[in-house]
């Protein structure tokens, strides 16, 4: 069996052109098969129907394939349909029963988690180490007083502050009484 596989592998490696021709033939045969199957299902155009009928008249391989497909189709149509063991209503009832069981399981799980949290909370309040059983609020820490008072240097700053540039003030032009400024422009 291995030697037969190796012979096929070697022959394919020696002649890649034959592999391409074989691939094209496979595609052609697949297309013919699909067209013949569509012909049996009455899903072809008039031109395709005529083409298939020509093949069936002249090609013995197509005649054989056609006969096999017709037998297969008839066999599938005559297959007995097994009767269901239960009615549709029973199946629906089973589905909804499962949904309800899952819902109740989920509620039980959440309820159990809530009870466990309450139990842990109650135990943590009772265990030694707490000074009282009443809830306590967080408190702001008491600030520590510095040993040394804060000193601010007024005459000598810690960082040198650059002096701002001084700009010359602009001359203010007083508007005249009639609404025109000194240069004669209207406001």
C-alpha atoms as a PDB file:
ATOM      1  CA  UNK A   1       0.000   0.000   0.000  1.00  0.00           C
ATOM      2  CA  UNK A   2       2.843   2.375   0.777  1.00  0.00           C
ATOM      3  CA  UNK A   3       4.593   1.568  -2.499  1.00  0.00           C
ATOM      4  CA  UNK A   4       1.426   2.380  -4.467  1.00  0.00           C
ATOM      5  CA  UNK A   5       1.171   5.706  -2.660  1.00  0.00           C
ATOM      6  CA  UNK A   6       4.820   6.469  -3.357  1.00  0.00           C
ATOM      7  CA  UNK A   7       4.418   5.605  -7.050  1.00  0.00           C
ATOM      8  CA  UNK A   8       1.521   8.022  -7.372  1.00  0.00           C
ATOM      9  CA  UNK A   9       3.441  10.679  -5.507  1.00  0.00           C
ATOM     10  CA  UNK A  10       6.497  10.222  -7.729  1.00  0.00           C
ATOM     11  CA  UNK A  11       4.503  10.306 -10.956  1.00  0.00           C
ATOM     12  CA  UNK A  12       2.832  13.541  -9.858  1.00  0.00           C
ATOM     13  CA  UNK A  13       6.202  15.091  -9.085  1.00  0.00           C
ATOM     14  CA  UNK A  14       7.728  14.107 -12.411  1.00  0.00           C
ATOM     15  CA  UNK A  15       5.026  15.688 -14.540  1.00  0.00           C
ATOM     16  CA  UNK A  16       3.423  18.788 -13.024  1.00  0.00           C
ATOM     17  CA  UNK A  17       1.688  19.553 -16.340  1.00  0.00           C
ATOM     18  CA  UNK A  18      -0.313  16.306 -16.005  1.00  0.00           C
ATOM     19  CA  UNK A  19      -1.361  17.338 -12.503  1.00  0.00           C
ATOM     20  CA  UNK A  20      -2.711  20.609 -13.886  1.00  0.00           C
ATOM     21  CA  UNK A  21      -4.623  18.794 -16.642  1.00  0.00           C
ATOM     22  CA  UNK A  22      -6.012  16.372 -14.060  1.00  0.00           C
ATOM     23  CA  UNK A  23      -7.109  19.300 -11.879  1.00  0.00           C
ATOM     24  CA  UNK A  24      -8.863  20.943 -14.814  1.00  0.00           C
ATOM     25  CA  UNK A  25     -10.586  17.639 -15.638  1.00  0.00           C
ATOM     26  CA  UNK A  26     -11.748  17.340 -12.016  1.00  0.00           C
ATOM     27  CA  UNK A  27     -13.204  20.843 -12.177  1.00  0.00           C
ATOM     28  CA  UNK A  28     -14.885  20.055 -15.503  1.00  0.00           C
ATOM     29  CA  UNK A  29     -16.346  16.809 -14.123  1.00  0.00           C
ATOM     30  CA  UNK A  30     -17.562  18.611 -11.002  1.00  0.00           C
ATOM     31  CA  UNK A  31     -19.222  21.304 -13.126  1.00  0.00           C
ATOM     32  CA  UNK A  32     -20.889  18.640 -15.274  1.00  0.00           C
ATOM     33  CA  UNK A  33     -22.071  16.802 -12.162  1.00  0.00           C
ATOM     34  CA  UNK A  34     -23.546  20.001 -10.707  1.00  0.00           C
ATOM     35  CA  UNK A  35     -25.261  20.821 -13.994  1.00  0.00           C
ATOM     36  CA  UNK A  36     -26.676  17.275 -14.236  1.00  0.00           C
ATOM     37  CA  UNK A  37     -27.912  17.498 -10.641  1.00  0.00           C
ATOM     38  CA  UNK A  38     -29.556  20.853 -11.378  1.00  0.00           C
ATOM     39  CA  UNK A  39     -31.120  19.276 -14.487  1.00  0.00           C
ATOM     40  CA  UNK A  40     -32.694  16.568 -12.323  1.00  0.00           C
ATOM     41  CA  UNK A  41     -34.047  19.242  -9.960  1.00  0.00           C
ATOM     42  CA  UNK A  42     -35.404  21.294 -12.932  1.00  0.00           C
ATOM     43  CA  UNK A  43     -33.209  24.246 -11.997  1.00  0.00           C
ATOM     44  CA  UNK A  44     -31.526  24.849 -15.366  1.00  0.00           C
ATOM     45  CA  UNK A  45     -32.079  27.304 -18.173  1.00  0.00           C
ATOM     46  CA  UNK A  46     -33.220  26.193 -21.623  1.00  0.00           C
ATOM     47  CA  UNK A  47     -29.661  26.328 -22.992  1.00  0.00           C
ATOM     48  CA  UNK A  48     -28.320  24.267 -20.074  1.00  0.00           C
ATOM     49  CA  UNK A  49     -31.147  21.731 -20.475  1.00  0.00           C
ATOM     50  CA  UNK A  50     -30.253  21.336 -24.155  1.00  0.00           C
ATOM     51  CA  UNK A  51     -26.551  20.885 -23.268  1.00  0.00           C
ATOM     52  CA  UNK A  52     -27.332  18.143 -20.713  1.00  0.00           C
ATOM     53  CA  UNK A  53     -29.610  16.331 -23.166  1.00  0.00           C
ATOM     54  CA  UNK A  54     -26.780  16.387 -25.754  1.00  0.00           C
ATOM     55  CA  UNK A  55     -24.419  14.861 -23.167  1.00  0.00           C
ATOM     56  CA  UNK A  56     -26.948  12.168 -22.279  1.00  0.00           C
ATOM     57  CA  UNK A  57     -27.343  11.204 -25.957  1.00  0.00           C
ATOM     58  CA  UNK A  58     -23.626  11.003 -26.732  1.00  0.00           C
ATOM     59  CA  UNK A  59     -21.611  10.391 -23.525  1.00  0.00           C
ATOM     60  CA  UNK A  60     -21.898   6.946 -21.832  1.00  0.00           C
ATOM     61  CA  UNK A  61     -20.238   8.261 -18.618  1.00  0.00           C
ATOM     62  CA  UNK A  62     -22.908  10.943 -18.313  1.00  0.00           C
ATOM     63  CA  UNK A  63     -25.631   8.338 -18.946  1.00  0.00           C
ATOM     64  CA  UNK A  64     -24.215   6.167 -16.166  1.00  0.00           C
ATOM     65  CA  UNK A  65     -23.948   9.151 -13.793  1.00  0.00           C
ATOM     66  CA  UNK A  66     -27.515  10.185 -14.668  1.00  0.00           C
ATOM     67  CA  UNK A  67     -28.798   6.672 -13.903  1.00  0.00           C
ATOM     68  CA  UNK A  68     -26.972   6.620 -10.564  1.00  0.00           C
ATOM     69  CA  UNK A  69     -28.342  10.047  -9.585  1.00  0.00           C
ATOM     70  CA  UNK A  70     -31.908   9.040 -10.514  1.00  0.00           C
ATOM     71  CA  UNK A  71     -31.618   5.861  -8.407  1.00  0.00           C
ATOM     72  CA  UNK A  72     -30.162   7.826  -5.507  1.00  0.00           C
ATOM     73  CA  UNK A  73     -32.956  10.366  -5.709  1.00  0.00           C
ATOM     74  CA  UNK A  74     -35.629   7.661  -5.784  1.00  0.00           C
ATOM     75  CA  UNK A  75     -33.979   5.873  -2.874  1.00  0.00           C
ATOM     76  CA  UNK A  76     -33.989   9.030  -0.778  1.00  0.00           C
ATOM     77  CA  UNK A  77     -37.631   9.710  -1.582  1.00  0.00           C
ATOM     78  CA  UNK A  78     -38.689   6.207  -0.598  1.00  0.00           C
ATOM     79  CA  UNK A  79     -36.773   6.138   2.695  1.00  0.00           C
ATOM     80  CA  UNK A  80     -39.129   5.583   5.606  1.00  0.00           C
ATOM     81  CA  UNK A  81     -39.432   8.509   7.985  1.00  0.00           C
ATOM     82  CA  UNK A  82     -38.992   7.297  11.555  1.00  0.00           C
ATOM     83  CA  UNK A  83     -41.841   8.201  13.836  1.00  0.00           C
ATOM     84  CA  UNK A  84     -41.020  10.371  16.775  1.00  0.00           C
ATOM     85  CA  UNK A  85     -40.983   8.670  20.151  1.00  0.00           C
ATOM     86  CA  UNK A  86     -42.708  11.642  21.739  1.00  0.00           C
ATOM     87  CA  UNK A  87     -45.175  14.268  20.637  1.00  0.00           C
ATOM     88  CA  UNK A  88     -44.250  17.866  19.949  1.00  0.00           C
ATOM     89  CA  UNK A  89     -46.065  18.975  23.096  1.00  0.00           C
ATOM     90  CA  UNK A  90     -43.966  16.620  25.209  1.00  0.00           C
ATOM     91  CA  UNK A  91     -40.771  17.977  23.642  1.00  0.00           C
ATOM     92  CA  UNK A  92     -41.890  21.563  24.343  1.00  0.00           C
ATOM     93  CA  UNK A  93     -42.696  20.653  27.945  1.00  0.00           C
ATOM     94  CA  UNK A  94     -39.251  19.095  28.392  1.00  0.00           C
ATOM     95  CA  UNK A  95     -37.528  22.217  27.010  1.00  0.00           C
ATOM     96  CA  UNK A  96     -39.443  24.559  29.305  1.00  0.00           C
ATOM     97  CA  UNK A  97     -38.859  22.221  32.254  1.00  0.00           C
ATOM     98  CA  UNK A  98     -35.104  22.434  31.682  1.00  0.00           C
ATOM     99  CA  UNK A  99     -35.277  26.224  31.440  1.00  0.00           C
ATOM    100  CA  UNK A 100     -37.181  26.427  34.724  1.00  0.00           C
ATOM    101  CA  UNK A 101     -34.688  24.087  36.455  1.00  0.00           C
ATOM    102  CA  UNK A 102     -31.766  26.224  35.309  1.00  0.00           C
ATOM    103  CA  UNK A 103     -33.524  29.366  36.532  1.00  0.00           C
ATOM    104  CA  UNK A 104     -34.179  27.847  39.969  1.00  0.00           C
ATOM    105  CA  UNK A 105     -30.572  26.611  40.174  1.00  0.00           C
ATOM    106  CA  UNK A 106     -29.333  30.111  39.406  1.00  0.00           C
ATOM    107  CA  UNK A 107     -31.606  31.646  42.075  1.00  0.00           C
ATOM    108  CA  UNK A 108     -30.421  29.058  44.614  1.00  0.00           C
ATOM    109  CA  UNK A 109     -26.774  29.803  43.813  1.00  0.00           C
ATOM    110  CA  UNK A 110     -27.239  33.566  44.242  1.00  0.00           C
ATOM    111  CA  UNK A 111     -29.219  33.037  47.437  1.00  0.00           C
ATOM    112  CA  UNK A 112     -26.511  30.790  48.842  1.00  0.00           C
ATOM    113  CA  UNK A 113     -23.853  33.366  47.992  1.00  0.00           C
ATOM    114  CA  UNK A 114     -25.870  36.108  49.746  1.00  0.00           C
ATOM    115  CA  UNK A 115     -26.315  33.970  52.877  1.00  0.00           C
ATOM    116  CA  UNK A 116     -22.600  33.161  52.922  1.00  0.00           C
ATOM    117  CA  UNK A 117     -21.748  36.874  52.642  1.00  0.00           C
ATOM    118  CA  UNK A 118     -24.085  37.702  55.541  1.00  0.00           C
ATOM    119  CA  UNK A 119     -22.532  34.931  57.632  1.00  0.00           C
ATOM    120  CA  UNK A 120     -18.982  36.173  56.960  1.00  0.00           C
ATOM    121  CA  UNK A 121     -20.029  39.743  57.735  1.00  0.00           C
ATOM    122  CA  UNK A 122     -21.633  38.717  61.025  1.00  0.00           C
ATOM    123  CA  UNK A 123     -18.615  36.658  62.078  1.00  0.00           C
ATOM    124  CA  UNK A 124     -16.165  39.408  61.258  1.00  0.00           C
ATOM    125  CA  UNK A 125     -18.064  41.769  63.575  1.00  0.00           C
ATOM    126  CA  UNK A 126     -18.089  39.304  66.468  1.00  0.00           C
ATOM    127  CA  UNK A 127     -14.535  37.970  66.272  1.00  0.00           C
ATOM    128  CA  UNK A 128     -11.989  39.375  68.766  1.00  0.00           C
ATOM    129  CA  UNK A 129      -9.967  42.339  67.669  1.00  0.00           C
ATOM    130  CA  UNK A 130     -12.858  44.727  67.230  1.00  0.00           C
ATOM    131  CA  UNK A 131     -13.505  47.112  70.089  1.00  0.00           C
ATOM    132  CA  UNK A 132     -17.256  47.364  69.620  1.00  0.00           C
ATOM    133  CA  UNK A 133     -20.069  45.819  67.624  1.00  0.00           C
ATOM    134  CA  UNK A 134     -21.255  49.166  66.285  1.00  0.00           C
ATOM    135  CA  UNK A 135     -20.195  50.239  62.837  1.00  0.00           C
ATOM    136  CA  UNK A 136     -17.366  52.719  62.773  1.00  0.00           C
ATOM    137  CA  UNK A 137     -16.821  55.492  60.282  1.00  0.00           C
ATOM    138  CA  UNK A 138     -13.508  56.431  58.780  1.00  0.00           C
ATOM    139  CA  UNK A 139     -11.818  59.337  60.505  1.00  0.00           C
ATOM    140  CA  UNK A 140      -9.400  61.895  59.123  1.00  0.00           C
ATOM    141  CA  UNK A 141      -5.871  61.421  60.450  1.00  0.00           C
ATOM    142  CA  UNK A 142      -4.732  63.917  63.049  1.00  0.00           C
ATOM    143  CA  UNK A 143      -2.037  66.127  61.517  1.00  0.00           C
ATOM    144  CA  UNK A 144       1.298  65.993  63.226  1.00  0.00           C
ATOM    145  CA  UNK A 145       2.666  69.288  64.546  1.00  0.00           C
ATOM    146  CA  UNK A 146       5.979  70.345  63.158  1.00  0.00           C
ATOM    147  CA  UNK A 147       8.825  70.707  65.587  1.00  0.00           C
ATOM    148  CA  UNK A 148       9.998  73.867  63.834  1.00  0.00           C
ATOM    149  CA  UNK A 149       7.736  76.790  62.903  1.00  0.00           C
ATOM    150  CA  UNK A 150       7.388  77.753  59.258  1.00  0.00           C
ATOM    151  CA  UNK A 151       9.640  80.619  58.276  1.00  0.00           C
ATOM    152  CA  UNK A 152       9.056  82.772  55.203  1.00  0.00           C
ATOM    153  CA  UNK A 153      11.870  84.882  53.772  1.00  0.00           C
ATOM    154  CA  UNK A 154      10.338  88.209  52.770  1.00  0.00           C
ATOM    155  CA  UNK A 155      13.458  90.123  51.875  1.00  0.00           C
ATOM    156  CA  UNK A 156      15.317  87.294  50.157  1.00  0.00           C
ATOM    157  CA  UNK A 157      13.092  84.929  48.104  1.00  0.00           C
ATOM    158  CA  UNK A 158      14.197  81.309  47.714  1.00  0.00           C
ATOM    159  CA  UNK A 159      13.836  81.503  43.922  1.00  0.00           C
ATOM    160  CA  UNK A 160      14.973  84.524  41.907  1.00  0.00           C
ATOM    161  CA  UNK A 161      11.969  86.217  40.308  1.00  0.00           C
ATOM    162  CA  UNK A 162      12.748  87.889  36.964  1.00  0.00           C
ATOM    163  CA  UNK A 163      11.709  91.482  36.588  1.00  0.00           C
ATOM    164  CA  UNK A 164       8.996  92.304  34.076  1.00  0.00           C
ATOM    165  CA  UNK A 165       9.803  94.568  31.127  1.00  0.00           C
ATOM    166  CA  UNK A 166       8.371  98.025  31.493  1.00  0.00           C
ATOM    167  CA  UNK A 167       6.422  99.364  28.502  1.00  0.00           C
ATOM    168  CA  UNK A 168       5.932 103.010  27.740  1.00  0.00           C
ATOM    169  CA  UNK A 169       2.331 104.131  28.262  1.00  0.00           C
ATOM    170  CA  UNK A 170       0.395 104.998  25.113  1.00  0.00           C
ATOM    171  CA  UNK A 171      -0.854 108.490  24.661  1.00  0.00           C
ATOM    172  CA  UNK A 172      -4.535 108.766  25.257  1.00  0.00           C
ATOM    173  CA  UNK A 173      -6.428 110.654  22.582  1.00  0.00           C
ATOM    174  CA  UNK A 174      -9.505 112.395  23.847  1.00  0.00           C
ATOM    175  CA  UNK A 175     -12.475 112.122  21.443  1.00  0.00           C
ATOM    176  CA  UNK A 176     -14.085 115.307  20.291  1.00  0.00           C
ATOM    177  CA  UNK A 177     -17.634 116.289  21.020  1.00  0.00           C
ATOM    178  CA  UNK A 178     -18.989 115.527  17.543  1.00  0.00           C
ATOM    179  CA  UNK A 179     -17.928 111.819  17.672  1.00  0.00           C
ATOM    180  CA  UNK A 180     -14.715 112.192  15.616  1.00  0.00           C
ATOM    181  CA  UNK A 181     -11.358 111.620  17.238  1.00  0.00           C
ATOM    182  CA  UNK A 182      -8.428 114.016  17.086  1.00  0.00           C
ATOM    183  CA  UNK A 183      -7.298 112.704  13.694  1.00  0.00           C
ATOM    184  CA  UNK A 184     -10.729 113.247  12.159  1.00  0.00           C
ATOM    185  CA  UNK A 185     -11.915 109.653  11.971  1.00  0.00           C
ATOM    186  CA  UNK A 186     -15.523 108.916  12.785  1.00  0.00           C
ATOM    187  CA  UNK A 187     -16.204 106.456  15.635  1.00  0.00           C
END
